[in-house]
Amino acid sequence: MTDRPTVDRNASTLFVLTAFVLAAVNLRPAIASVPPVLEVIRVELALSYTAVSLLTTIPMFCMGLFAFLTPRVARYGRERGLFWAIVLIGLATAARVAGNSVAILFVTTVVVGIAIAVGQTLLPALVDEYFPERAAFATGVYSISLALGATFAAGLTVPVYQIADSWTAALASWALLAVVAAVVLVVLVRGGSGDSERVSEPPRRLPWRSPIAWAVTLFFVGASTVFYSGLTWLAPRYVAIGWDETTAGFLLTTFTLTQVVGMGLFMLFGDRVADRRPWILAMGGVTAASIVAIGLTPSTYPWLLAALLGSGSGGLFTIALTLPIDLAADGPTTDRLATMGLGIGYMVAAVGPSVVGGIRDVTGSYVPAFVALGAVSVSMTLLGVAFRPGNDGTVGA
């Protein structure tokens, strides 16, 4: 890892970490709140299943495509960019109170995807600036915040809908989180330094020719594909062998909640050594073994398998977010590495579940589909060889 001077900040470390947590919590509810009321939306707006599925597919694709805006946004200040991303998420989420209009519902979905793309891609470089010696810890903290934001939205949207008797109000209610985060981020923006220097900084191209940059990108592609494919197909896999939908849903909840275990382990112990390869080997091995076992022998310790898959994939996701910090020569390069990884990663992840479903359709079995995901996990683990400490390749040149 390249040494960098610690950035002098007016804000305290705890305050900055709190700001990152509040920002990260806002990066999933606008998406995760939709599936619990998806059928209600489809019936009330008379949408087809294909059309209503776009409410979850569009944000994912936008999260990848519009991540490529991040280096330009960063030139005007990363703190400022994160603040406006959260404000945009809040405004678009609040506008869903008028979601009975199909046009408004889909426009806000696109806006949410764009804002999330920029906000989450700025966070690795911000961690690099504020926590250069505690990158794994800070990344783990905001990764857990991402997961908790999604979990709260998925679990509480239906109760809010039942209380308010309005799915539009239930979706719009998550804008309150953005209000809280924006208030804190205003202070961070005012306390940040270097904004004027970033404005004058000439834009640099993404490191398309760097082998290390492509290794980081492919690693994030794998982490995203495994997680979102597991999220989509874990419950159907068990329904196919005779489980009822409710029990399969609880199994899926186990998968999502245990992400925090892998994230937490890396958060607590990841900074003790600079070498990420042992972590990649451990998390990648657990992920590959559990997902293949779900495909081949799903009835053998299913709850343990779901927990191992959640822990392993959660750990890999946090490692993927830390790699741009580890391997970049400076802050702007971290922006560019994160842009490549998250941009391409999320666009591929948007179609990953469909590819898995296609394998299921062609073969008539979930076994090859889950074995294929296991192969993706093994490939990610092998990529870990490239991430030795100090190996920044041509990145930052």
Protein backbone atom coordinates (compact mmCIF):
# COMPACT_ATOMS: atom_id res chain seq x y z
CA MET A 1 0.00 0.00 0.00
CA THR A 2 1.38 3.41 -0.92
CA ASP A 3 1.96 5.76 2.00
CA ARG A 4 0.04 9.02 1.84
CA PRO A 5 0.03 11.97 4.19
CA THR A 6 -2.90 12.11 6.55
CA VAL A 7 -5.37 14.79 5.46
CA ASP A 8 -5.78 17.57 7.99
CA ARG A 9 -9.48 17.88 8.86
CA ASN A 10 -11.40 20.16 11.18
CA ALA A 11 -13.94 17.47 11.95
CA SER A 12 -13.21 14.78 14.53
CA THR A 13 -12.63 11.17 13.48
CA LEU A 14 -15.82 10.01 15.18
CA PHE A 15 -17.86 12.73 13.48
CA VAL A 16 -16.46 11.86 10.05
CA LEU A 17 -17.17 8.16 10.59
CA THR A 18 -20.72 9.04 11.67
CA ALA A 19 -21.17 11.08 8.49
CA PHE A 20 -20.00 8.13 6.37
CA VAL A 21 -22.34 5.77 8.23
CA LEU A 22 -25.35 8.04 7.72
CA ALA A 23 -24.49 8.49 4.05
CA ALA A 24 -24.07 4.74 3.51
CA VAL A 25 -27.36 3.93 5.25
CA ASN A 26 -29.09 6.01 2.54
CA LEU A 27 -27.56 4.11 -0.39
CA ARG A 28 -29.94 1.11 -0.36
CA PRO A 29 -33.42 1.88 1.11
CA ALA A 30 -34.73 3.51 -2.08
CA ILE A 31 -34.06 0.19 -3.85
CA ALA A 32 -34.67 -2.33 -1.06
CA SER A 33 -38.01 -0.79 -0.08
CA VAL A 34 -39.57 -1.61 -3.48
CA PRO A 35 -39.61 -5.47 -3.59
CA PRO A 36 -41.78 -5.90 -0.45
CA VAL A 37 -44.59 -3.89 -2.10
CA LEU A 38 -43.82 -4.81 -5.70
CA GLU A 39 -46.99 -6.83 -6.19
CA VAL A 40 -49.10 -4.02 -4.74
CA ILE A 41 -47.47 -1.57 -7.16
CA ARG A 42 -48.02 -3.92 -10.11
CA VAL A 43 -51.73 -4.36 -9.39
CA GLU A 44 -52.49 -0.74 -8.56
CA LEU A 45 -50.67 0.69 -11.59
CA ALA A 46 -51.73 -2.16 -13.90
CA LEU A 47 -48.14 -2.89 -14.89
CA SER A 48 -46.84 -6.09 -16.44
CA TYR A 49 -44.41 -8.26 -14.50
CA THR A 50 -41.68 -7.26 -16.94
CA ALA A 51 -42.37 -3.55 -16.44
CA VAL A 52 -42.54 -3.71 -12.67
CA SER A 53 -39.29 -5.71 -12.51
CA LEU A 54 -37.55 -2.67 -14.02
CA LEU A 55 -38.04 -0.88 -10.71
CA THR A 56 -35.27 -3.05 -9.28
CA THR A 57 -33.23 -3.60 -12.47
CA ILE A 58 -32.95 0.06 -13.52
CA PRO A 59 -31.29 1.30 -10.31
CA MET A 60 -28.74 -1.50 -10.47
CA PHE A 61 -27.79 -0.67 -14.05
CA CYS A 62 -27.68 3.05 -13.28
CA MET A 63 -25.45 2.35 -10.27
CA GLY A 64 -22.93 0.96 -12.74
CA LEU A 65 -23.36 3.26 -15.71
CA PHE A 66 -23.35 6.55 -13.83
CA ALA A 67 -20.45 5.59 -11.58
CA PHE A 68 -18.34 6.82 -14.49
CA LEU A 69 -19.39 10.39 -13.59
CA THR A 70 -17.57 10.17 -10.28
CA PRO A 71 -14.07 11.37 -11.27
CA ARG A 72 -15.56 14.57 -12.69
CA VAL A 73 -17.77 15.09 -9.65
CA ALA A 74 -14.76 14.54 -7.38
CA ARG A 75 -12.96 17.49 -8.97
CA TYR A 76 -15.44 19.76 -7.21
CA GLY A 77 -14.89 18.14 -3.82
CA ARG A 78 -15.72 14.61 -2.71
CA GLU A 79 -17.48 15.77 0.45
CA ARG A 80 -19.60 18.14 -1.62
CA GLY A 81 -20.33 15.42 -4.16
CA LEU A 82 -21.42 12.98 -1.45
CA PHE A 83 -23.65 15.64 0.12
CA TRP A 84 -25.47 16.37 -3.15
CA ALA A 85 -25.80 12.67 -3.93
CA ILE A 86 -27.60 12.15 -0.61
CA VAL A 87 -29.76 15.23 -1.20
CA LEU A 88 -30.73 13.88 -4.62
CA ILE A 89 -31.58 10.48 -3.13
CA GLY A 90 -33.74 12.22 -0.53
CA LEU A 91 -35.58 14.38 -3.07
CA ALA A 92 -36.22 11.48 -5.46
CA THR A 93 -37.37 9.23 -2.62
CA ALA A 94 -39.70 11.91 -1.24
CA ALA A 95 -41.13 12.45 -4.73
CA ARG A 96 -42.37 8.86 -4.66
CA VAL A 97 -45.26 10.10 -2.56
CA ALA A 98 -46.66 10.91 -6.03
CA GLY A 99 -45.68 7.44 -7.27
CA ASN A 100 -49.23 6.73 -8.43
CA SER A 101 -47.98 8.37 -11.62
CA VAL A 102 -46.02 5.75 -13.56
CA ALA A 103 -43.82 8.45 -15.07
CA ILE A 104 -42.87 9.89 -11.66
CA LEU A 105 -42.21 6.42 -10.25
CA PHE A 106 -39.81 5.49 -13.03
CA VAL A 107 -38.11 8.89 -13.22
CA THR A 108 -37.39 8.81 -9.48
CA THR A 109 -36.04 5.28 -9.91
CA VAL A 110 -33.52 6.51 -12.49
CA VAL A 111 -32.54 9.52 -10.37
CA VAL A 112 -32.03 7.30 -7.32
CA GLY A 113 -29.76 5.01 -9.34
CA ILE A 114 -27.65 7.93 -10.58
CA ALA A 115 -27.27 9.46 -7.12
CA ILE A 116 -26.37 6.14 -5.51
CA ALA A 117 -23.79 5.51 -8.24
CA VAL A 118 -21.95 8.74 -7.47
CA GLY A 119 -22.30 8.57 -3.69
CA GLN A 120 -21.05 5.03 -3.23
CA THR A 121 -18.17 5.50 -5.69
CA LEU A 122 -16.93 8.58 -3.82
CA LEU A 123 -16.77 6.77 -0.47
CA PRO A 124 -13.57 4.71 -1.05
CA ALA A 125 -11.50 7.82 -1.82
CA LEU A 126 -13.03 9.64 1.16
CA VAL A 127 -12.02 6.73 3.37
CA ASP A 128 -8.53 6.97 1.85
CA GLU A 129 -8.34 10.66 2.79
CA TYR A 130 -9.73 10.49 6.31
CA PHE A 131 -8.66 6.98 7.41
CA PRO A 132 -5.46 6.14 5.50
CA GLU A 133 -4.24 3.81 8.25
CA ARG A 134 -7.64 2.24 9.05
CA ALA A 135 -9.01 1.56 5.57
CA ALA A 136 -10.40 -1.90 6.38
CA PHE A 137 -12.08 -0.64 9.55
CA ALA A 138 -13.73 2.38 7.94
CA THR A 139 -14.75 0.42 4.83
CA GLY A 140 -16.20 -2.32 7.02
CA VAL A 141 -18.20 0.21 9.01
CA TYR A 142 -19.85 1.76 5.97
CA SER A 143 -20.32 -1.65 4.30
CA ILE A 144 -22.25 -2.81 7.36
CA SER A 145 -24.22 0.43 7.17
CA LEU A 146 -25.13 -0.37 3.56
CA ALA A 147 -26.37 -3.81 4.59
CA LEU A 148 -28.33 -2.48 7.55
CA GLY A 149 -29.97 0.20 5.42
CA ALA A 150 -31.15 -2.44 2.98
CA THR A 151 -32.31 -4.75 5.79
CA PHE A 152 -34.32 -2.04 7.54
CA ALA A 153 -35.98 -0.96 4.30
CA ALA A 154 -36.85 -4.52 3.32
CA GLY A 155 -38.23 -5.33 6.75
CA LEU A 156 -40.07 -2.13 7.67
CA THR A 157 -41.62 -0.94 4.41
CA VAL A 158 -44.62 -3.27 4.68
CA PRO A 159 -45.44 -2.25 8.29
CA VAL A 160 -45.25 1.41 7.25
CA TYR A 161 -47.49 0.63 4.26
CA GLN A 162 -50.01 -1.06 6.54
CA ILE A 163 -50.03 1.83 9.01
CA ALA A 164 -50.25 4.56 6.36
CA ASP A 165 -52.46 2.51 4.04
CA SER A 166 -50.36 3.86 1.18
CA TRP A 167 -47.47 2.23 -0.62
CA THR A 168 -46.37 5.61 -2.01
CA ALA A 169 -46.09 7.02 1.51
CA ALA A 170 -44.18 3.91 2.62
CA LEU A 171 -41.63 4.37 -0.16
CA ALA A 172 -41.36 8.13 0.39
CA SER A 173 -40.85 7.74 4.15
CA TRP A 174 -37.25 6.62 3.61
CA ALA A 175 -36.39 10.18 2.56
CA LEU A 176 -36.25 11.02 6.28
CA LEU A 177 -32.91 9.18 6.48
CA ALA A 178 -31.50 11.50 3.84
CA VAL A 179 -32.55 14.58 5.83
CA VAL A 180 -30.56 13.40 8.83
CA ALA A 181 -27.51 12.52 6.72
CA ALA A 182 -27.61 15.80 4.80
CA VAL A 183 -27.59 17.85 8.02
CA VAL A 184 -24.43 16.08 9.18
CA LEU A 185 -22.77 16.17 5.76
CA VAL A 186 -23.20 19.96 5.55
CA VAL A 187 -20.78 20.25 8.47
CA LEU A 188 -18.37 17.85 6.77
CA VAL A 189 -18.49 19.87 3.54
CA ARG A 190 -17.68 23.08 5.40
CA GLY A 191 -14.85 21.40 7.29
CA GLY A 192 -13.33 19.70 4.21
CA SER A 193 -10.26 21.09 2.53
CA GLY A 194 -8.83 20.98 -0.95
CA ASP A 195 -12.02 21.72 -2.88
CA SER A 196 -10.47 24.56 -4.86
CA GLU A 197 -7.46 22.40 -5.72
CA ARG A 198 -9.70 19.65 -7.03
CA VAL A 199 -11.60 22.07 -9.25
CA SER A 200 -8.39 23.00 -11.06
CA GLU A 201 -7.12 19.43 -11.27
CA PRO A 202 -7.17 18.22 -14.90
CA PRO A 203 -9.32 15.13 -15.48
CA ARG A 204 -7.45 11.87 -15.96
CA ARG A 205 -8.58 8.91 -17.99
CA LEU A 206 -9.61 5.69 -16.34
CA PRO A 207 -6.74 3.15 -16.16
CA TRP A 208 -8.09 0.88 -18.92
CA ARG A 209 -4.59 -0.43 -19.73
CA SER A 210 -3.64 -1.33 -16.16
CA PRO A 211 -3.72 -5.07 -15.35
CA ILE A 212 -4.21 -4.29 -11.67
CA ALA A 213 -7.16 -2.02 -12.43
CA TRP A 214 -8.78 -4.83 -14.42
CA ALA A 215 -8.08 -7.29 -11.61
CA VAL A 216 -9.86 -4.96 -9.16
CA THR A 217 -12.73 -4.55 -11.62
CA LEU A 218 -13.14 -8.28 -12.21
CA PHE A 219 -13.01 -8.90 -8.47
CA PHE A 220 -15.87 -6.48 -7.93
CA VAL A 221 -17.76 -8.02 -10.86
CA GLY A 222 -17.49 -11.40 -9.16
CA ALA A 223 -18.44 -10.11 -5.70
CA SER A 224 -21.51 -8.30 -7.04
CA THR A 225 -22.62 -11.16 -9.28
CA VAL A 226 -22.40 -13.77 -6.52
CA PHE A 227 -24.26 -11.62 -4.01
CA TYR A 228 -27.11 -10.44 -6.24
CA SER A 229 -27.53 -13.84 -7.87
CA GLY A 230 -27.68 -15.44 -4.43
CA LEU A 231 -30.18 -12.81 -3.32
CA THR A 232 -32.37 -13.61 -6.34
CA TRP A 233 -32.16 -17.40 -6.48
CA LEU A 234 -31.49 -18.72 -2.97
CA ALA A 235 -35.16 -18.84 -1.93
CA PRO A 236 -36.37 -20.28 -5.29
CA ARG A 237 -33.68 -22.96 -5.00
CA TYR A 238 -35.26 -24.22 -1.78
CA VAL A 239 -38.85 -23.81 -2.96
CA ALA A 240 -37.86 -26.09 -5.86
CA ILE A 241 -36.98 -28.90 -3.41
CA GLY A 242 -40.25 -28.57 -1.53
CA TRP A 243 -39.82 -25.79 1.00
CA ASP A 244 -42.74 -23.40 1.49
CA GLU A 245 -42.22 -19.77 0.50
CA THR A 246 -42.28 -18.47 4.08
CA THR A 247 -39.49 -20.75 5.31
CA ALA A 248 -37.45 -20.08 2.17
CA GLY A 249 -37.92 -16.37 2.84
CA PHE A 250 -36.52 -16.76 6.35
CA LEU A 251 -33.53 -18.57 4.86
CA LEU A 252 -32.99 -15.60 2.54
CA THR A 253 -33.14 -13.29 5.55
CA THR A 254 -30.42 -15.41 7.18
CA PHE A 255 -28.29 -14.94 4.08
CA THR A 256 -28.69 -11.15 4.08
CA LEU A 257 -28.21 -10.67 7.82
CA THR A 258 -25.06 -12.78 8.04
CA GLN A 259 -23.31 -10.52 5.54
CA VAL A 260 -22.61 -8.40 8.59
CA VAL A 261 -20.54 -11.24 10.07
CA GLY A 262 -18.05 -11.27 7.19
CA MET A 263 -18.02 -7.49 7.00
CA GLY A 264 -17.51 -7.20 10.75
CA LEU A 265 -14.63 -9.65 10.85
CA PHE A 266 -12.79 -7.76 8.13
CA MET A 267 -13.64 -4.44 9.80
CA LEU A 268 -12.17 -5.55 13.15
CA PHE A 269 -9.09 -7.43 11.97
CA GLY A 270 -8.41 -6.39 8.38
CA ASP A 271 -6.03 -3.55 9.26
CA ARG A 272 -3.71 -5.76 11.30
CA VAL A 273 -1.85 -6.79 8.14
CA ALA A 274 -1.60 -4.99 4.80
CA ASP A 275 -1.87 -8.22 2.81
CA ARG A 276 -5.49 -8.86 1.77
CA ARG A 277 -4.74 -12.24 0.16
CA PRO A 278 -5.37 -14.42 3.25
CA TRP A 279 -8.75 -12.71 3.65
CA ILE A 280 -9.60 -13.27 0.00
CA LEU A 281 -8.61 -16.93 0.27
CA ALA A 282 -10.72 -17.45 3.40
CA MET A 283 -13.81 -15.54 2.27
CA GLY A 284 -13.59 -16.81 -1.30
CA GLY A 285 -13.21 -20.41 -0.14
CA VAL A 286 -16.20 -20.17 2.21
CA THR A 287 -18.33 -18.55 -0.50
CA ALA A 288 -17.40 -21.07 -3.20
CA ALA A 289 -17.88 -24.11 -0.94
CA SER A 290 -21.25 -22.96 0.42
CA ILE A 291 -22.75 -21.95 -2.91
CA VAL A 292 -21.71 -25.20 -4.60
CA ALA A 293 -23.11 -27.16 -1.64
CA ILE A 294 -26.42 -25.31 -2.00
CA GLY A 295 -26.47 -26.43 -5.61
CA LEU A 296 -25.48 -30.06 -5.03
CA THR A 297 -26.75 -30.93 -1.53
CA PRO A 298 -29.16 -28.17 -0.49
CA SER A 299 -30.81 -30.22 2.29
CA THR A 300 -27.54 -30.70 4.17
CA TYR A 301 -27.38 -28.04 6.90
CA PRO A 302 -29.25 -25.44 4.79
CA TRP A 303 -29.26 -22.75 7.50
CA LEU A 304 -25.53 -23.11 8.01
CA LEU A 305 -24.93 -22.97 4.26
CA ALA A 306 -26.99 -19.78 3.95
CA ALA A 307 -25.09 -18.22 6.86
CA LEU A 308 -21.71 -19.17 5.39
CA LEU A 309 -22.70 -17.81 1.99
CA GLY A 310 -23.84 -14.55 3.57
CA SER A 311 -20.67 -14.20 5.64
CA GLY A 312 -18.34 -15.05 2.77
CA SER A 313 -20.02 -12.83 0.20
CA GLY A 314 -20.29 -9.96 2.70
CA GLY A 315 -16.59 -10.19 3.44
CA LEU A 316 -15.70 -10.29 -0.27
CA PHE A 317 -17.82 -7.21 -0.95
CA THR A 318 -16.02 -5.22 1.77
CA ILE A 319 -12.62 -6.38 0.51
CA ALA A 320 -13.61 -5.30 -3.02
CA LEU A 321 -14.39 -1.80 -1.72
CA THR A 322 -11.05 -1.66 0.09
CA LEU A 323 -8.88 -2.70 -2.87
CA PRO A 324 -8.99 0.70 -4.66
CA ILE A 325 -7.67 2.29 -1.46
CA ASP A 326 -4.92 -0.31 -1.11
CA LEU A 327 -3.72 -0.25 -4.70
CA ALA A 328 -4.06 3.38 -5.78
CA ALA A 329 -1.20 5.84 -5.63
CA ASP A 330 -3.34 8.82 -4.59
CA GLY A 331 -6.89 10.03 -4.01
CA PRO A 332 -7.79 10.77 -7.66
CA THR A 333 -6.52 7.31 -8.63
CA THR A 334 -8.69 5.77 -5.93
CA ASP A 335 -11.63 7.55 -7.57
CA ARG A 336 -10.73 6.07 -10.94
CA LEU A 337 -10.17 2.55 -9.63
CA ALA A 338 -13.45 2.64 -7.72
CA THR A 339 -15.19 3.99 -10.82
CA MET A 340 -13.98 1.10 -12.96
CA GLY A 341 -14.76 -1.52 -10.34
CA LEU A 342 -18.18 -0.30 -9.27
CA GLY A 343 -19.19 0.91 -12.73
CA ILE A 344 -18.55 -2.31 -14.59
CA GLY A 345 -19.32 -4.44 -11.55
CA TYR A 346 -22.85 -3.19 -11.05
CA MET A 347 -23.69 -3.25 -14.75
CA VAL A 348 -22.67 -6.91 -14.93
CA ALA A 349 -24.42 -7.67 -11.64
CA ALA A 350 -27.63 -6.22 -13.10
CA VAL A 351 -27.72 -9.04 -15.66
CA GLY A 352 -26.04 -11.71 -13.51
CA PRO A 353 -29.26 -13.07 -11.98
CA SER A 354 -30.79 -13.31 -15.46
CA VAL A 355 -27.80 -15.34 -16.68
CA VAL A 356 -28.18 -17.70 -13.71
CA GLY A 357 -31.89 -17.99 -14.50
CA GLY A 358 -31.03 -18.72 -18.14
CA ILE A 359 -28.73 -21.55 -17.07
CA ARG A 360 -31.58 -22.93 -14.98
CA ASP A 361 -33.96 -22.72 -17.96
CA VAL A 362 -31.56 -24.36 -20.41
CA THR A 363 -30.46 -27.20 -18.13
CA GLY A 364 -33.73 -27.68 -16.23
CA SER A 365 -31.83 -27.75 -12.93
CA TYR A 366 -30.45 -25.35 -10.32
CA VAL A 367 -27.34 -27.50 -9.89
CA PRO A 368 -25.32 -26.17 -12.86
CA ALA A 369 -26.48 -22.62 -12.11
CA PHE A 370 -25.11 -22.72 -8.56
CA VAL A 371 -21.97 -24.58 -9.62
CA ALA A 372 -21.37 -21.77 -12.13
CA LEU A 373 -21.60 -19.24 -9.28
CA GLY A 374 -19.12 -21.39 -7.37
CA ALA A 375 -16.76 -21.15 -10.34
CA VAL A 376 -17.09 -17.36 -10.24
CA SER A 377 -16.15 -17.43 -6.54
CA VAL A 378 -13.10 -19.60 -7.24
CA SER A 379 -12.02 -17.23 -10.03
CA MET A 380 -12.24 -14.30 -7.62
CA THR A 381 -10.09 -16.15 -5.12
CA LEU A 382 -7.46 -16.81 -7.77
CA LEU A 383 -7.48 -13.10 -8.68
CA GLY A 384 -6.35 -12.44 -5.13
CA VAL A 385 -2.82 -13.39 -6.11
CA ALA A 386 -2.52 -10.01 -7.86
CA PHE A 387 -3.31 -8.03 -4.72
CA ARG A 388 -0.04 -8.30 -2.87
CA PRO A 389 0.98 -5.27 -0.79
CA GLY A 390 2.67 -2.56 -2.82
CA ASN A 391 1.58 -3.99 -6.16
CA ASP A 392 -0.01 -0.91 -7.69
CA GLY A 393 1.21 -1.84 -11.18
CA THR A 394 0.77 1.09 -13.55
CA VAL A 395 -2.15 2.53 -11.59
CA GLY A 396 -1.50 6.11 -10.64
CA ALA A 397 0.97 6.69 -13.44
